Amino acid sequence: MIRNFLLILFSVALLLVTVQAEEWAGTDEQAEEIISQINPNYEPWFSPIWEPPSGEIESLLFSLQAAIGASLIVTSLDITED
């Protein structure tokens, strides 16, 4: 058990050391850049209803969404095992 924990801890530390901040850009921004390179006259079909005021709040909402999804998956797996 301790060996698994140390392996996970080492993997996370290695990931944090090797990954640059620019690589964490969202796929929306990356897709927007590529689309604007392919077709500069492209206009989006719609705009967001609400945009978070900062990147930190956006990250918080994304983390909350992931936590809710993970808890639903774990709960459903727990129910099916009984």
N, C-alpha and C. Protein backbone atom coordinates (compact mmCIF):
# COMPACT_ATOMS: atom_id res chain seq x y z
N MET A 1 0.82 -1.19 0.00
CA MET A 1 0.00 0.00 0.00
C MET A 1 0.87 1.26 0.00
N ILE A 2 1.88 1.27 0.81
CA ILE A 2 2.78 2.42 0.87
C ILE A 2 3.52 2.56 -0.46
N ARG A 3 3.87 1.42 -1.05
CA ARG A 3 4.57 1.45 -2.34
C ARG A 3 3.69 2.09 -3.41
N ASN A 4 2.40 1.75 -3.45
CA ASN A 4 1.47 2.35 -4.41
C ASN A 4 1.34 3.85 -4.18
N PHE A 5 1.23 4.25 -2.92
CA PHE A 5 1.12 5.67 -2.60
C PHE A 5 2.36 6.43 -3.06
N LEU A 6 3.54 5.89 -2.80
CA LEU A 6 4.77 6.54 -3.22
C LEU A 6 4.88 6.61 -4.74
N LEU A 7 4.42 5.58 -5.42
CA LEU A 7 4.44 5.58 -6.88
C LEU A 7 3.51 6.66 -7.43
N ILE A 8 2.32 6.79 -6.87
CA ILE A 8 1.39 7.83 -7.30
C ILE A 8 1.95 9.21 -7.00
N LEU A 9 2.52 9.38 -5.82
CA LEU A 9 3.11 10.66 -5.44
C LEU A 9 4.26 11.04 -6.38
N PHE A 10 5.10 10.09 -6.72
CA PHE A 10 6.20 10.33 -7.64
C PHE A 10 5.67 10.70 -9.03
N SER A 11 4.63 10.02 -9.48
CA SER A 11 4.06 10.29 -10.80
C SER A 11 3.48 11.69 -10.87
N VAL A 12 2.78 12.10 -9.84
CA VAL A 12 2.21 13.45 -9.81
C VAL A 12 3.31 14.50 -9.77
N ALA A 13 4.33 14.27 -8.97
CA ALA A 13 5.44 15.22 -8.90
C ALA A 13 6.16 15.32 -10.24
N LEU A 14 6.36 14.20 -10.90
CA LEU A 14 7.00 14.20 -12.21
C LEU A 14 6.15 14.96 -13.22
N LEU A 15 4.85 14.77 -13.18
CA LEU A 15 3.94 15.47 -14.08
C LEU A 15 4.00 16.98 -13.85
N LEU A 16 3.97 17.39 -12.59
CA LEU A 16 4.00 18.82 -12.29
C LEU A 16 5.32 19.48 -12.69
N VAL A 17 6.40 18.74 -12.62
CA VAL A 17 7.71 19.29 -12.97
C VAL A 17 7.87 19.40 -14.48
N THR A 18 7.36 18.44 -15.23
CA THR A 18 7.63 18.39 -16.66
C THR A 18 6.64 19.17 -17.52
N VAL A 19 5.43 19.38 -17.05
CA VAL A 19 4.41 20.03 -17.87
C VAL A 19 4.50 21.54 -17.71
N GLN A 20 4.50 22.24 -18.82
CA GLN A 20 4.54 23.70 -18.81
C GLN A 20 3.12 24.25 -18.69
N ALA A 21 2.98 25.48 -18.24
CA ALA A 21 1.66 26.09 -18.03
C ALA A 21 0.90 26.24 -19.34
N GLU A 22 1.59 26.49 -20.44
CA GLU A 22 0.91 26.68 -21.72
C GLU A 22 0.20 25.40 -22.18
N GLU A 23 0.69 24.27 -21.78
CA GLU A 23 0.11 23.00 -22.21
C GLU A 23 -1.24 22.75 -21.56
N TRP A 24 -1.58 23.51 -20.53
CA TRP A 24 -2.84 23.32 -19.84
C TRP A 24 -3.97 24.12 -20.47
N ALA A 25 -3.73 24.75 -21.60
CA ALA A 25 -4.78 25.52 -22.27
C ALA A 25 -5.93 24.59 -22.64
N GLY A 26 -7.13 25.12 -22.53
CA GLY A 26 -8.30 24.31 -22.83
C GLY A 26 -8.44 24.03 -24.31
N THR A 27 -9.20 23.00 -24.61
CA THR A 27 -9.40 22.63 -26.01
C THR A 27 -10.21 23.68 -26.76
N ASP A 28 -11.04 24.43 -26.03
CA ASP A 28 -11.80 25.49 -26.70
C ASP A 28 -10.86 26.54 -27.30
N GLU A 29 -9.86 26.95 -26.52
CA GLU A 29 -8.91 27.95 -27.03
C GLU A 29 -8.08 27.39 -28.18
N GLN A 30 -7.67 26.13 -28.04
CA GLN A 30 -6.87 25.51 -29.10
C GLN A 30 -7.68 25.37 -30.38
N ALA A 31 -8.93 24.96 -30.25
CA ALA A 31 -9.78 24.82 -31.44
C ALA A 31 -10.05 26.18 -32.07
N GLU A 32 -10.24 27.19 -31.26
CA GLU A 32 -10.49 28.54 -31.79
C GLU A 32 -9.29 29.03 -32.59
N GLU A 33 -8.09 28.79 -32.11
CA GLU A 33 -6.88 29.20 -32.83
C GLU A 33 -6.77 28.47 -34.18
N ILE A 34 -7.01 27.17 -34.18
CA ILE A 34 -6.89 26.40 -35.42
C ILE A 34 -7.96 26.80 -36.42
N ILE A 35 -9.19 27.00 -35.94
CA ILE A 35 -10.27 27.40 -36.84
C ILE A 35 -9.98 28.78 -37.43
N SER A 36 -9.48 29.70 -36.63
CA SER A 36 -9.17 31.03 -37.16
C SER A 36 -8.02 30.99 -38.17
N GLN A 37 -7.12 30.02 -38.04
CA GLN A 37 -6.06 29.86 -39.03
C GLN A 37 -6.61 29.29 -40.33
N ILE A 38 -7.54 28.35 -40.23
CA ILE A 38 -8.11 27.72 -41.41
C ILE A 38 -9.06 28.68 -42.13
N ASN A 39 -9.95 29.31 -41.37
CA ASN A 39 -10.95 30.20 -41.96
C ASN A 39 -11.03 31.48 -41.11
N PRO A 40 -10.32 32.54 -41.50
CA PRO A 40 -10.32 33.77 -40.71
C PRO A 40 -11.69 34.45 -40.63
N ASN A 41 -12.60 34.15 -41.54
CA ASN A 41 -13.92 34.80 -41.56
C ASN A 41 -14.96 34.03 -40.74
N TYR A 42 -14.57 32.97 -40.09
CA TYR A 42 -15.51 32.14 -39.33
C TYR A 42 -16.05 32.92 -38.14
N GLU A 43 -17.38 32.83 -37.94
CA GLU A 43 -18.01 33.43 -36.77
C GLU A 43 -18.71 32.31 -35.98
N PRO A 44 -18.52 32.28 -34.66
CA PRO A 44 -19.17 31.25 -33.84
C PRO A 44 -20.69 31.32 -33.97
N TRP A 45 -21.35 30.18 -33.81
CA TRP A 45 -22.79 30.10 -33.93
C TRP A 45 -23.50 30.68 -32.71
N PHE A 46 -22.86 30.59 -31.56
CA PHE A 46 -23.49 31.09 -30.34
C PHE A 46 -22.40 31.54 -29.38
N SER A 47 -22.81 32.21 -28.32
CA SER A 47 -21.87 32.64 -27.29
C SER A 47 -22.34 32.07 -25.95
N PRO A 48 -21.45 31.96 -24.98
CA PRO A 48 -21.84 31.40 -23.68
C PRO A 48 -22.88 32.27 -22.98
N ILE A 49 -23.75 31.62 -22.22
CA ILE A 49 -24.75 32.36 -21.46
C ILE A 49 -24.08 33.13 -20.33
N TRP A 50 -23.11 32.49 -19.67
CA TRP A 50 -22.40 33.11 -18.56
C TRP A 50 -20.96 32.65 -18.60
N GLU A 51 -20.04 33.58 -18.41
CA GLU A 51 -18.62 33.23 -18.33
C GLU A 51 -18.13 33.54 -16.92
N PRO A 52 -17.40 32.62 -16.31
CA PRO A 52 -16.86 32.87 -14.97
C PRO A 52 -15.95 34.10 -15.00
N PRO A 53 -15.95 34.88 -13.92
CA PRO A 53 -15.15 36.10 -13.90
C PRO A 53 -13.64 35.88 -13.90
N SER A 54 -13.20 34.69 -13.50
CA SER A 54 -11.75 34.44 -13.49
C SER A 54 -11.47 32.98 -13.79
N GLY A 55 -10.22 32.70 -14.11
CA GLY A 55 -9.80 31.34 -14.38
C GLY A 55 -9.88 30.44 -13.16
N GLU A 56 -9.71 31.04 -11.97
CA GLU A 56 -9.77 30.25 -10.75
C GLU A 56 -11.18 29.74 -10.51
N ILE A 57 -12.17 30.58 -10.76
CA ILE A 57 -13.56 30.16 -10.57
C ILE A 57 -13.93 29.11 -11.61
N GLU A 58 -13.43 29.29 -12.83
CA GLU A 58 -13.68 28.30 -13.88
C GLU A 58 -13.08 26.95 -13.48
N SER A 59 -11.87 26.97 -12.94
CA SER A 59 -11.24 25.73 -12.47
C SER A 59 -12.01 25.11 -11.31
N LEU A 60 -12.50 25.96 -10.41
CA LEU A 60 -13.30 25.46 -9.29
C LEU A 60 -14.56 24.77 -9.78
N LEU A 61 -15.26 25.39 -10.73
CA LEU A 61 -16.48 24.79 -11.26
C LEU A 61 -16.19 23.48 -12.00
N PHE A 62 -15.09 23.45 -12.74
CA PHE A 62 -14.71 22.22 -13.43
C PHE A 62 -14.39 21.12 -12.43
N SER A 63 -13.67 21.45 -11.36
CA SER A 63 -13.33 20.46 -10.33
C SER A 63 -14.59 19.96 -9.63
N LEU A 64 -15.51 20.88 -9.36
CA LEU A 64 -16.77 20.48 -8.73
C LEU A 64 -17.55 19.53 -9.64
N GLN A 65 -17.58 19.84 -10.92
CA GLN A 65 -18.26 18.97 -11.89
C GLN A 65 -17.61 17.58 -11.91
N ALA A 66 -16.28 17.54 -11.90
CA ALA A 66 -15.58 16.26 -11.91
C ALA A 66 -15.85 15.47 -10.63
N ALA A 67 -15.90 16.16 -9.49
CA ALA A 67 -16.16 15.49 -8.22
C ALA A 67 -17.57 14.91 -8.18
N ILE A 68 -18.54 15.67 -8.69
CA ILE A 68 -19.91 15.17 -8.72
C ILE A 68 -20.01 13.95 -9.65
N GLY A 69 -19.38 14.03 -10.80
CA GLY A 69 -19.39 12.90 -11.73
C GLY A 69 -18.73 11.67 -11.15
N ALA A 70 -17.58 11.87 -10.50
CA ALA A 70 -16.88 10.73 -9.89
C ALA A 70 -17.71 10.12 -8.78
N SER A 71 -18.37 10.95 -7.98
CA SER A 71 -19.19 10.39 -6.90
C SER A 71 -20.39 9.62 -7.45
N LEU A 72 -20.96 10.08 -8.56
CA LEU A 72 -22.06 9.34 -9.18
C LEU A 72 -21.59 7.99 -9.72
N ILE A 73 -20.41 7.98 -10.33
CA ILE A 73 -19.87 6.72 -10.85
C ILE A 73 -19.58 5.75 -9.71
N VAL A 74 -18.94 6.23 -8.66
CA VAL A 74 -18.61 5.36 -7.53
C VAL A 74 -19.89 4.85 -6.87
N THR A 75 -20.87 5.72 -6.73
CA THR A 75 -22.14 5.29 -6.13
C THR A 75 -22.82 4.24 -6.98
N SER A 76 -22.81 4.43 -8.30
CA SER A 76 -23.46 3.44 -9.17
C SER A 76 -22.70 2.12 -9.14
N LEU A 77 -21.39 2.15 -9.06
CA LEU A 77 -20.62 0.91 -8.97
C LEU A 77 -20.87 0.22 -7.63
N ASP A 78 -21.02 1.00 -6.58
CA ASP A 78 -21.28 0.43 -5.27
C ASP A 78 -22.66 -0.23 -5.23
N ILE A 79 -23.63 0.39 -5.87
CA ILE A 79 -24.98 -0.16 -5.89
C ILE A 79 -25.01 -1.47 -6.68
N THR A 80 -24.30 -1.50 -7.81
CA THR A 80 -24.34 -2.70 -8.65
C THR A 80 -23.59 -3.87 -8.02
N GLU A 81 -22.67 -3.64 -7.09
CA GLU A 81 -21.93 -4.72 -6.45
C GLU A 81 -22.77 -5.45 -5.42
N ASP A 82 -23.77 -4.81 -4.86
CA ASP A 82 -24.58 -5.44 -3.81
C ASP A 82 -25.48 -6.49 -4.34
